[in-house]
Protein backbone atom coordinates (compact mmCIF):
# COMPACT_ATOMS: atom_id res chain seq x y z
CA MET A 1 0.00 0.00 0.00
CA SER A 2 1.41 3.45 -0.89
CA ILE A 3 1.93 6.10 1.78
CA SER A 4 -0.70 8.40 0.29
CA THR A 5 -3.22 5.49 0.37
CA THR A 6 -2.29 4.87 4.02
CA ILE A 7 -2.85 8.53 4.89
CA LYS A 8 -6.17 8.58 3.04
CA SER A 9 -7.38 5.50 4.92
CA ILE A 10 -6.31 7.13 8.22
CA GLN A 11 -8.33 10.23 7.39
CA ASP A 12 -11.34 8.01 6.57
CA ILE A 13 -11.05 6.39 10.03
CA MET A 14 -10.85 9.84 11.67
CA ARG A 15 -14.06 10.93 9.92
CA LYS A 16 -15.91 8.31 12.00
CA ASP A 17 -14.73 9.93 15.26
CA VAL A 18 -17.20 12.43 16.75
CA GLY A 19 -14.38 14.51 18.28
CA VAL A 20 -12.68 15.44 15.02
CA ASP A 21 -14.35 18.26 13.14
CA GLY A 22 -13.09 19.26 9.70
CA ASP A 23 -9.83 19.10 7.72
CA ALA A 24 -7.73 21.32 9.99
CA GLN A 25 -8.44 19.16 13.08
CA ARG A 26 -7.89 15.92 11.13
CA ILE A 27 -4.51 17.21 9.98
CA GLY A 28 -3.61 18.44 13.48
CA GLN A 29 -4.45 14.99 14.87
CA LEU A 30 -2.52 13.17 12.15
CA VAL A 31 0.57 15.36 12.44
CA TRP A 32 1.34 14.86 16.16
CA MET A 33 1.01 11.11 15.64
CA LEU A 34 3.22 11.29 12.53
CA PHE A 35 5.72 13.35 14.51
CA LEU A 36 6.08 10.68 17.23
CA LYS A 37 6.33 7.86 14.66
CA ILE A 38 8.95 9.79 12.64
CA PHE A 39 10.89 10.63 15.81
CA ASP A 40 10.88 6.98 16.89
CA ASP A 41 12.14 5.83 13.47
CA ARG A 42 14.90 8.46 13.58
CA GLU A 43 15.81 7.34 17.12
CA GLN A 44 16.40 3.82 15.79
CA GLU A 45 18.94 5.38 13.38
CA TRP A 46 20.60 7.45 16.10
CA GLU A 47 20.87 4.40 18.37
CA MET A 48 22.75 2.58 15.60
CA PHE A 49 25.11 5.48 14.87
CA TYR A 50 25.74 6.81 18.39
CA ASP A 51 26.59 4.29 21.12
CA ASP A 52 25.80 6.78 23.87
CA TYR A 53 22.45 7.97 22.42
CA LYS A 54 19.86 8.56 25.14
CA SER A 55 16.25 9.36 24.30
CA PRO A 56 14.84 12.61 25.74
CA ILE A 57 11.43 10.88 26.00
CA PRO A 58 10.69 8.84 29.18
CA LYS A 59 10.55 5.09 28.45
CA GLU A 60 6.78 4.64 28.84
CA LEU A 61 6.04 7.58 26.51
CA ARG A 62 8.19 6.40 23.58
CA TRP A 63 6.12 5.34 20.54
CA ARG A 64 7.67 1.86 20.49
CA ASN A 65 6.44 1.20 24.06
CA TRP A 66 2.80 2.24 23.82
CA ALA A 67 1.88 2.39 20.12
CA ALA A 68 3.95 -0.12 18.13
CA ASP A 69 2.25 -3.33 19.34
CA PRO A 70 -0.92 -3.76 17.21
CA GLU A 71 -2.49 -5.77 20.05
CA GLY A 72 -1.50 -3.12 22.63
CA MET A 73 -3.62 -0.61 24.52
CA THR A 74 -6.96 0.30 22.98
CA GLY A 75 -10.39 1.68 23.92
CA ASP A 76 -10.68 3.73 27.12
CA ASP A 77 -7.23 2.61 28.32
CA LEU A 78 -5.58 4.14 25.24
CA LYS A 79 -7.70 7.30 25.36
CA ASN A 80 -6.88 7.81 29.07
CA PHE A 81 -3.18 7.13 28.50
CA ILE A 82 -2.94 9.69 25.66
CA ASP A 83 -4.94 12.40 27.45
CA ASN A 84 -3.66 11.94 31.01
CA THR A 85 -0.14 10.51 30.65
CA LEU A 86 1.32 11.05 27.16
CA PHE A 87 0.31 14.68 26.57
CA PRO A 88 1.09 16.02 30.09
CA GLY A 89 4.38 14.07 30.05
CA LEU A 90 5.53 15.52 26.71
CA GLN A 91 4.23 19.03 27.42
CA ASN A 92 6.23 19.16 30.65
CA LEU A 93 9.43 17.47 29.47
CA GLU A 94 12.48 18.65 31.41
CA PRO A 95 15.41 18.09 29.03
CA ALA A 96 18.64 16.86 30.56
CA GLY A 97 21.59 19.27 30.21
CA ASP A 98 21.86 20.68 26.71
CA ASP A 99 19.57 18.11 25.06
CA TYR A 100 17.68 20.33 22.63
CA ARG A 101 15.71 17.38 21.29
CA GLY A 102 13.63 17.45 24.47
CA VAL A 103 12.99 21.17 23.99
CA VAL A 104 11.78 20.54 20.42
CA ILE A 105 9.39 17.80 21.58
CA ARG A 106 8.03 19.98 24.40
CA ASN A 107 7.50 22.88 21.97
CA VAL A 108 5.74 20.64 19.48
CA PHE A 109 3.32 19.32 22.10
CA GLU A 110 2.69 22.69 23.74
CA ASP A 111 0.03 23.40 21.11
CA ALA A 112 -0.84 19.88 19.94
CA TYR A 113 -4.25 18.48 20.84
CA ASN A 114 -5.87 15.05 20.90
CA TYR A 115 -9.25 15.57 19.23
CA MET A 116 -10.22 11.89 18.95
CA LYS A 117 -12.78 10.58 21.43
CA SER A 118 -12.73 6.87 20.52
CA GLY A 119 -9.81 4.79 21.76
CA GLN A 120 -10.77 1.99 19.33
CA LEU A 121 -10.54 4.31 16.30
CA MET A 122 -7.27 5.72 17.68
CA ARG A 123 -5.81 2.21 17.81
CA GLN A 124 -6.85 1.68 14.16
CA VAL A 125 -5.09 4.89 13.14
CA ILE A 126 -1.93 4.02 15.11
CA ASN A 127 -1.79 0.54 13.56
CA LYS A 128 -2.09 2.00 10.05
CA LEU A 129 0.79 4.37 10.80
CA GLN A 130 2.89 1.59 12.34
CA ASP A 131 2.34 -0.92 9.52
CA GLY A 132 2.08 1.45 6.57
CA ILE A 133 5.12 3.72 6.90
CA ASP A 134 8.80 3.16 7.65
CA PHE A 135 10.63 6.49 7.67
CA ASN A 136 14.04 4.79 7.63
CA LYS A 137 13.55 3.59 4.06
CA SER A 138 14.83 6.38 1.85
CA ALA A 139 12.28 5.63 -0.92
CA GLU A 140 9.45 5.91 1.61
CA ARG A 141 10.93 9.05 3.06
CA HIS A 142 10.95 10.56 -0.41
CA GLU A 143 7.38 9.43 -1.07
CA LEU A 144 6.41 10.83 2.31
CA GLY A 145 7.71 14.20 1.11
CA ASP A 146 5.14 14.09 -1.73
CA MET A 147 2.41 12.94 0.64
CA TYR A 148 3.41 15.64 3.09
CA GLU A 149 2.95 18.29 0.41
CA GLN A 150 -0.53 16.86 -0.18
CA ILE A 151 -1.33 17.25 3.54
CA LEU A 152 -0.21 20.88 3.32
CA LYS A 153 -2.40 21.48 0.28
CA ASP A 154 -5.34 19.94 2.16
CA LEU A 155 -4.61 22.29 5.04
CA GLN A 156 -4.67 25.28 2.72
CA GLY A 157 -7.89 23.93 1.23
CA ALA A 158 -9.32 24.16 4.77
CA GLY A 159 -9.00 27.92 4.24
CA ASN A 160 -6.49 30.17 5.97
CA ALA A 161 -6.81 33.81 4.91
CA GLY A 162 -3.64 35.30 3.54
CA GLU A 163 -1.64 32.06 3.65
CA PHE A 164 -0.97 29.99 0.57
CA TYR A 165 1.05 26.88 -0.05
CA THR A 166 3.95 28.01 -2.25
CA PRO A 167 4.25 25.62 -5.22
CA ARG A 168 7.44 23.59 -5.07
CA ALA A 169 8.54 24.83 -8.52
CA VAL A 170 8.50 28.42 -7.21
CA THR A 171 10.39 27.68 -3.96
CA GLU A 172 13.01 25.70 -5.90
CA PHE A 173 13.54 28.49 -8.42
CA MET A 174 13.81 31.18 -5.73
CA VAL A 175 16.34 29.17 -3.69
CA ASN A 176 18.24 28.28 -6.88
CA ARG A 177 18.62 31.98 -7.77
CA ALA A 178 19.43 33.12 -4.21
CA ASP A 179 22.00 30.29 -4.13
CA PRO A 180 22.70 30.11 -0.35
CA LYS A 181 26.29 28.91 0.23
CA LEU A 182 27.23 26.37 2.91
CA ASN A 183 28.16 28.86 5.67
CA GLU A 184 25.45 31.40 4.92
CA LYS A 185 22.66 31.86 7.45
CA VAL A 186 19.28 31.44 5.77
CA MET A 187 16.06 32.65 7.37
CA ASP A 188 12.36 32.54 6.59
CA PRO A 189 10.68 34.84 9.15
CA ALA A 190 7.20 33.61 8.12
CA CYS A 191 8.15 30.00 7.45
CA GLY A 192 4.72 28.36 7.48
CA THR A 193 5.28 24.65 7.04
CA GLY A 194 8.96 25.04 6.12
CA GLY A 195 8.91 24.69 2.31
CA PHE A 196 11.61 27.30 1.65
CA LEU A 197 13.83 25.91 4.41
CA THR A 198 13.63 22.30 3.20
CA CYS A 199 14.38 23.51 -0.34
CA THR A 200 17.42 25.36 1.04
CA ILE A 201 18.61 22.21 2.83
CA GLU A 202 18.34 20.21 -0.40
CA HIS A 203 20.13 22.96 -2.37
CA LYS A 204 23.03 23.15 0.10
CA ARG A 205 23.38 19.36 0.25
CA LYS A 206 23.39 19.08 -3.53
CA HIS A 207 25.94 21.84 -4.18
CA TYR A 208 28.03 22.42 -1.04
CA VAL A 209 27.99 19.46 1.38
CA SER A 210 30.75 16.89 0.90
CA THR A 211 31.83 15.91 4.46
CA PRO A 212 30.11 15.15 7.81
CA GLN A 213 31.54 18.47 9.05
CA ASP A 214 29.80 20.28 6.16
CA GLU A 215 26.53 18.61 7.20
CA GLN A 216 26.98 19.88 10.77
CA THR A 217 27.59 23.39 9.39
CA LEU A 218 24.42 23.16 7.31
CA GLN A 219 22.37 22.12 10.37
CA GLN A 220 23.37 25.37 12.14
CA THR A 221 22.49 27.72 9.27
CA ILE A 222 18.74 27.19 8.77
CA MET A 223 16.31 29.39 10.74
CA GLY A 224 12.58 29.94 10.66
CA VAL A 225 9.78 31.51 12.69
CA GLU A 226 6.08 30.64 12.47
CA LYS A 227 3.34 32.09 14.64
CA LYS A 228 0.53 29.56 14.11
CA PRO A 229 0.71 26.28 16.07
CA LEU A 230 -0.22 23.78 13.33
CA PRO A 231 2.11 25.09 10.58
CA HIS A 232 4.87 25.31 13.23
CA LEU A 233 4.34 21.64 14.12
CA LEU A 234 4.33 20.76 10.40
CA ALA A 235 7.55 22.75 9.83
CA THR A 236 9.32 20.99 12.72
CA THR A 237 8.23 17.57 11.42
CA ASN A 238 9.23 18.58 7.88
CA LEU A 239 12.76 19.49 8.97
CA ILE A 240 13.22 16.22 10.91
CA LEU A 241 12.11 14.40 7.75
CA HIS A 242 14.78 16.33 5.86
CA GLY A 243 17.51 15.13 8.20
CA ILE A 244 17.77 18.12 10.55
CA GLU A 245 18.44 16.24 13.77
CA VAL A 246 17.35 18.93 16.23
CA PRO A 247 15.18 21.56 14.53
CA ASP A 248 15.16 23.84 17.58
CA GLN A 249 15.86 26.81 15.30
CA ILE A 250 12.23 26.76 14.09
CA LYS A 251 10.70 29.14 16.60
CA HIS A 252 7.01 29.35 17.45
CA ASP A 253 6.53 33.11 17.54
CA ASN A 254 5.34 36.15 15.58
CA THR A 255 8.43 37.84 14.11
CA LEU A 256 6.47 41.09 13.74
CA ALA A 257 5.65 41.25 17.47
CA ARG A 258 9.22 42.32 18.24
CA PRO A 259 10.29 45.98 17.91
CA LEU A 260 12.34 46.44 14.73
CA ILE A 261 15.16 48.25 16.55
CA SER A 262 15.62 45.34 18.98
CA TRP A 263 17.12 43.11 16.24
CA THR A 264 20.87 43.30 16.84
CA PRO A 265 23.59 43.29 14.14
CA LYS A 266 24.55 39.77 15.33
CA GLU A 267 21.11 38.55 14.29
CA ARG A 268 21.48 39.73 10.70
CA VAL A 269 21.31 36.99 8.07
CA ASP A 270 22.88 36.29 4.67
CA VAL A 271 19.80 35.09 2.80
CA ILE A 272 16.03 35.50 3.21
CA VAL A 273 13.65 33.36 1.18
CA ALA A 274 10.00 33.92 2.00
CA ASN A 275 6.39 34.14 0.95
CA PRO A 276 4.98 36.42 3.66
CA PRO A 277 1.20 36.19 4.24
CA PHE A 278 -0.49 38.85 2.10
CA GLY A 279 -4.00 40.24 2.16
CA GLY A 280 -4.05 39.60 5.93
CA MET A 281 -4.14 42.23 8.69
CA GLU A 282 -2.07 42.17 11.87
CA GLU A 283 -3.69 42.66 15.28
CA ASP A 284 -3.86 46.17 16.76
CA GLY A 285 -0.60 47.39 18.21
CA ILE A 286 1.79 45.26 16.11
CA GLU A 287 2.45 48.23 13.80
CA THR A 288 3.87 50.26 16.71
CA ASN A 289 6.95 47.98 16.59
CA PHE A 290 7.87 49.75 13.34
CA PRO A 291 9.03 53.31 12.56
CA SER A 292 6.10 55.68 12.05
CA ALA A 293 6.80 56.11 8.30
CA PHE A 294 6.28 52.35 7.76
CA ARG A 295 3.35 51.66 10.04
CA THR A 296 0.51 49.64 8.57
CA ARG A 297 -1.53 46.60 9.54
CA GLU A 298 -0.92 44.95 6.15
CA THR A 299 1.15 41.88 7.05
CA ALA A 300 3.21 41.63 3.83
CA ASP A 301 4.35 45.28 4.05
CA LEU A 302 5.51 44.88 7.66
CA PHE A 303 7.44 41.77 6.66
CA MET A 304 9.11 43.62 3.77
CA THR A 305 10.29 46.33 6.19
CA LEU A 306 11.63 43.58 8.46
CA PHE A 307 13.38 41.74 5.59
CA ILE A 308 15.33 44.86 4.60
CA HIS A 309 16.34 45.38 8.23
CA LEU A 310 17.36 41.74 8.85
CA LEU A 311 19.70 41.37 5.86
CA ARG A 312 23.36 42.07 6.47
CA ASP A 313 25.19 44.26 3.93
CA GLY A 314 25.60 42.10 0.84
CA GLY A 315 22.76 39.82 2.00
CA ARG A 316 20.27 38.57 -0.60
CA ALA A 317 16.52 38.05 -0.60
CA ALA A 318 13.98 36.28 -2.79
CA VAL A 319 10.40 37.15 -1.85
CA VAL A 320 6.88 36.45 -3.20
CA LEU A 321 4.64 39.55 -3.25
CA PRO A 322 1.27 40.41 -4.82
CA ASP A 323 0.70 43.03 -7.53
CA GLY A 324 -0.78 45.30 -4.84
CA PHE A 325 2.71 45.89 -3.44
CA LEU A 326 3.95 47.02 -6.87
CA PHE A 327 1.23 49.59 -7.58
CA GLY A 328 0.31 50.56 -3.98
CA GLU A 329 0.68 54.16 -2.80
CA GLY A 330 1.03 55.96 0.53
CA MET A 331 3.07 53.87 2.96
CA LYS A 332 3.78 51.35 0.17
CA SER A 333 5.48 54.11 -1.90
CA ARG A 334 7.69 55.04 1.09
CA LEU A 335 8.59 51.38 1.59
CA LYS A 336 9.49 50.94 -2.10
CA GLU A 337 11.65 54.08 -1.95
CA LYS A 338 13.47 52.63 1.08
CA LEU A 339 13.89 49.28 -0.71
CA LEU A 340 15.37 50.89 -3.85
CA GLU A 341 17.69 53.20 -1.87
CA GLU A 342 19.06 50.55 0.51
CA CYS A 343 19.00 47.52 -1.80
CA ASN A 344 19.67 46.63 -5.40
CA LEU A 345 16.28 45.35 -6.51
CA HIS A 346 17.71 43.85 -9.67
CA THR A 347 14.94 41.50 -10.84
CA ILE A 348 11.17 41.09 -10.66
CA VAL A 349 9.77 37.90 -12.19
CA ARG A 350 6.10 38.43 -12.99
CA LEU A 351 4.16 35.19 -12.62
CA PRO A 352 1.07 34.38 -14.69
CA ASN A 353 -2.41 33.73 -13.30
CA GLY A 354 -3.16 30.48 -11.54
CA VAL A 355 0.24 29.81 -9.94
CA PHE A 356 -1.41 29.88 -6.49
CA SER A 357 -4.70 28.45 -7.71
CA PRO A 358 -7.05 27.44 -6.17
CA TYR A 359 -6.10 29.45 -3.04
CA THR A 360 -6.06 32.89 -4.63
CA GLY A 361 -6.52 34.60 -7.99
CA ILE A 362 -4.20 37.46 -6.98
CA LYS A 363 -1.31 37.92 -9.42
CA THR A 364 2.07 37.45 -7.79
CA ASN A 365 5.68 38.46 -8.38
CA LEU A 366 9.08 37.21 -7.27
CA LEU A 367 11.37 40.01 -6.08
CA PHE A 368 15.15 39.45 -5.94
CA PHE A 369 17.29 42.05 -4.16
CA THR A 370 20.68 42.51 -2.50
CA LYS A 371 21.23 44.89 0.42
CA GLY A 372 24.00 47.47 0.52
CA LYS A 373 23.83 49.32 -2.82
CA PRO A 374 20.99 51.36 -4.32
CA THR A 375 19.08 50.18 -7.39
CA GLU A 376 20.23 51.66 -10.69
CA ASN A 377 18.34 49.44 -13.13
CA LEU A 378 15.50 47.04 -12.53
CA TRP A 379 14.94 44.08 -14.85
CA TYR A 380 11.51 42.52 -15.33
CA TYR A 381 10.92 39.03 -16.64
CA GLU A 382 7.39 37.98 -17.54
CA HIS A 383 7.08 34.25 -17.00
CA PRO A 384 4.98 32.77 -19.82
CA TYR A 385 2.73 29.73 -19.66
CA PRO A 386 4.34 26.65 -21.23
CA GLU A 387 3.31 25.75 -24.78
CA GLY A 388 -0.33 24.60 -24.86
CA VAL A 389 -1.11 25.60 -21.24
CA LYS A 390 -3.73 28.32 -20.64
CA SER A 391 -3.67 28.24 -16.85
CA TYR A 392 -2.35 26.15 -13.95
CA ASN A 393 -4.50 23.98 -11.71
CA LYS A 394 -4.20 21.07 -9.27
CA THR A 395 -3.72 18.52 -12.03
CA LYS A 396 -1.45 20.77 -14.13
CA PRO A 397 0.77 22.64 -11.65
CA MET A 398 3.77 24.76 -12.51
CA ARG A 399 7.03 22.80 -13.02
CA PHE A 400 10.59 23.85 -12.14
CA ALA A 401 11.75 23.07 -15.72
CA GLU A 402 9.67 26.05 -16.92
CA PHE A 403 12.13 28.40 -15.21
CA GLN A 404 15.06 27.20 -17.31
CA THR A 405 14.64 30.16 -19.71
CA GLU A 406 15.04 32.60 -16.79
CA ILE A 407 18.04 30.67 -15.44
CA ASP A 408 19.72 30.73 -18.88
CA TRP A 409 19.05 34.48 -19.20
CA TRP A 410 19.96 35.43 -15.60
CA GLY A 411 23.72 36.20 -15.69
CA THR A 412 25.62 37.27 -12.56
CA GLU A 413 25.28 40.18 -10.17
CA ALA A 414 29.08 40.53 -9.91
CA ASP A 415 29.24 42.15 -13.38
CA GLY A 416 25.94 43.98 -13.01
CA PHE A 417 24.11 41.33 -15.08
CA ALA A 418 26.03 42.51 -18.16
CA SER A 419 24.94 39.47 -20.18
CA ARG A 420 21.23 40.23 -19.89
CA VAL A 421 19.39 41.24 -23.04
CA GLU A 422 15.89 42.49 -23.66
CA THR A 423 13.61 39.83 -25.13
CA GLU A 424 9.85 39.45 -25.67
CA GLN A 425 9.72 38.43 -21.98
CA ALA A 426 12.42 40.69 -20.47
CA TRP A 427 12.77 44.47 -20.22
CA LYS A 428 14.83 46.98 -18.23
CA VAL A 429 13.69 50.12 -16.38
CA SER A 430 16.04 52.78 -14.93
CA ILE A 431 15.73 54.17 -11.41
CA ASP A 432 14.98 57.63 -12.89
CA ASP A 433 11.95 56.22 -14.72
CA ILE A 434 10.77 54.54 -11.50
CA LYS A 435 11.10 57.80 -9.53
CA ALA A 436 9.18 59.62 -12.27
CA ARG A 437 6.39 57.06 -11.77
CA ASN A 438 6.35 57.83 -8.01
CA TYR A 439 7.69 54.32 -7.29
CA ASN A 440 4.85 52.52 -9.04
CA LEU A 441 6.59 49.26 -9.97
CA ASP A 442 3.60 47.76 -11.80
CA ILE A 443 5.25 48.14 -15.20
CA LYS A 444 3.70 46.15 -18.03
CA ASN A 445 5.68 44.30 -20.69
CA PRO A 446 6.37 46.90 -23.42
CA HIS A 447 6.81 44.16 -26.04
CA VAL A 448 3.21 42.97 -25.75
CA GLY A 449 0.37 45.03 -27.17
CA GLU A 450 -3.21 44.80 -25.93
CA GLN A 451 -4.66 41.56 -27.25
CA LEU A 452 -8.26 40.57 -27.71
CA ILE A 453 -9.05 37.47 -25.67
CA HIS A 454 -11.71 35.02 -26.81
CA ASP A 455 -10.82 32.10 -24.54
CA LEU A 456 -13.46 31.66 -21.78
CA ASP A 457 -11.04 30.23 -19.18
CA GLU A 458 -8.65 33.12 -19.69
CA LEU A 459 -11.45 35.69 -19.48
CA LEU A 460 -12.65 34.13 -16.21
CA ALA A 461 -9.07 34.16 -14.86
CA ARG A 462 -8.78 37.86 -15.83
CA TYR A 463 -12.10 38.58 -14.10
CA GLU A 464 -10.90 36.82 -10.91
CA GLN A 465 -7.67 38.77 -11.02
CA GLN A 466 -9.53 42.09 -11.39
CA GLN A 467 -11.78 41.19 -8.45
CA ALA A 468 -8.69 40.40 -6.37
CA GLU A 469 -7.11 43.73 -7.37
CA ILE A 470 -10.31 45.60 -6.43
CA GLN A 471 -10.22 43.86 -3.03
CA GLU A 472 -6.55 44.86 -2.64
CA ILE A 473 -7.40 48.52 -3.39
CA ARG A 474 -10.26 48.34 -0.83
CA HIS A 475 -7.76 47.13 1.78
CA GLN A 476 -5.45 50.03 0.94
CA LEU A 477 -8.27 52.59 1.12
CA ARG A 478 -9.30 51.19 4.50
CA ASP A 479 -5.69 51.51 5.70
CA ILE A 480 -5.42 55.10 4.44
CA LEU A 481 -8.73 56.06 6.10
CA ALA A 482 -7.76 54.36 9.38
CA ASP A 483 -4.40 56.16 9.24
CA ALA A 484 -6.06 59.52 8.59
CA LEU A 485 -8.62 59.00 11.37
CA SER A 486 -5.96 58.01 13.91
CA HIS A 487 -3.85 61.08 12.98
CA ASN A 488 -6.98 63.22 13.33
CA SER A 489 -7.82 61.84 16.76
CA ASP A 490 -4.17 62.27 17.86
CA GLU A 491 -4.29 65.94 16.82
CA ASN A 492 -7.62 66.47 18.63
CA THR A 493 -6.25 64.87 21.76
CA GLY A 494 -3.11 67.00 21.49
CA GLY A 495 -5.21 70.16 21.05
CA GLY A 496 -7.27 69.39 24.15
CA ALA A 497 -4.16 68.89 26.25
CA ALA A 498 -2.70 72.23 25.14
């Protein structure tokens, strides 16, 4: 039986349980169980490699001692054990000495929850996991990666405003172009389920790791922060699957909740790869962590301000942003001015409709910039659909191979991208032209005239995009009005005090 079939049958069992309500809870339930099974399989490896390996989990709480026997605990006994022994034991783990594995487990279970009410159904699920998946077989581990991406897509299908699963082709291309070297610190301050970080791990292993010492270096250079409990748990599990032995550098926190000025020079990083949540609004008060010129409740804009701040001089970023960032005014114009003055925004890849389908119709862009020198020229590259494709969907997703034309065209930053040429897809704009446009970066391809469209699918996609853009403008207007009203009330308060 394939892993994806095993997972599907587990979800079918969970649907019979009265305690589990909806996709998000089913995934939450599945993931903490997966985590313990994965951890136990990895422990078998560590026990073989390290003679002195000692598990951070107390004996009776280890998967092999309560879950692995198919004829083991079931019914009320199992339910009571999980609720009253396993969860409290893991949530209150006291790691010995500097054993960070215990800290990771405690953090994972801090926000995990057992939704299932039936001990019999729980035993069925555990047995499926035990019999159906062996994480120490590399082929299964690879297949699990595919299955894992399916779980993430299901989670997104459960509907989380402003958060979208980034297609693997896009994360791979962004990491490929940012090209993080072995010693470079890589951070995703809104890491979600860890897609950019696992891509970075694979990239470093493929190009820069050749000794066990290199692998140890890699393990210390990957950092992420995620504020929501379930994606954080998924990210931690994802990194363990990708061979990060102690993923304690995946923090459960909101990066925006910390004052910008409190980030020290020591915390600066070499590379940022990220798809910050867009279209979402931060809670009241978060914006006060930022300088007054860049205050907004629009999540993606706050993250962009943070990215610029967190990069060291010479540091590089690859970021997904919606069209609204390119054409936005007010605070967005000030932010774009800061970006172009402090960084070389050398490339914007404009993605076609449907890349993030079905989660959003908003058109997106990939921004590539390097901190330390101002922008002189900005190159745009309009990514076309492959031959015969009119839009992407679940059955026809974007593929990494499509980016080969960009990779061939790219050149190197060291010589100012001297090899780049204008093509039907690529064009260059000077900083003077951008200033004259008041930092509106929504610059259309000059090589393409207006075309009449007769294809129904394409017309519908255009309509969806326009609706998304209208929604984006509404958000901006609301922000501007809220800003104006708060300034007004501040002035009135000030006047009264005088």
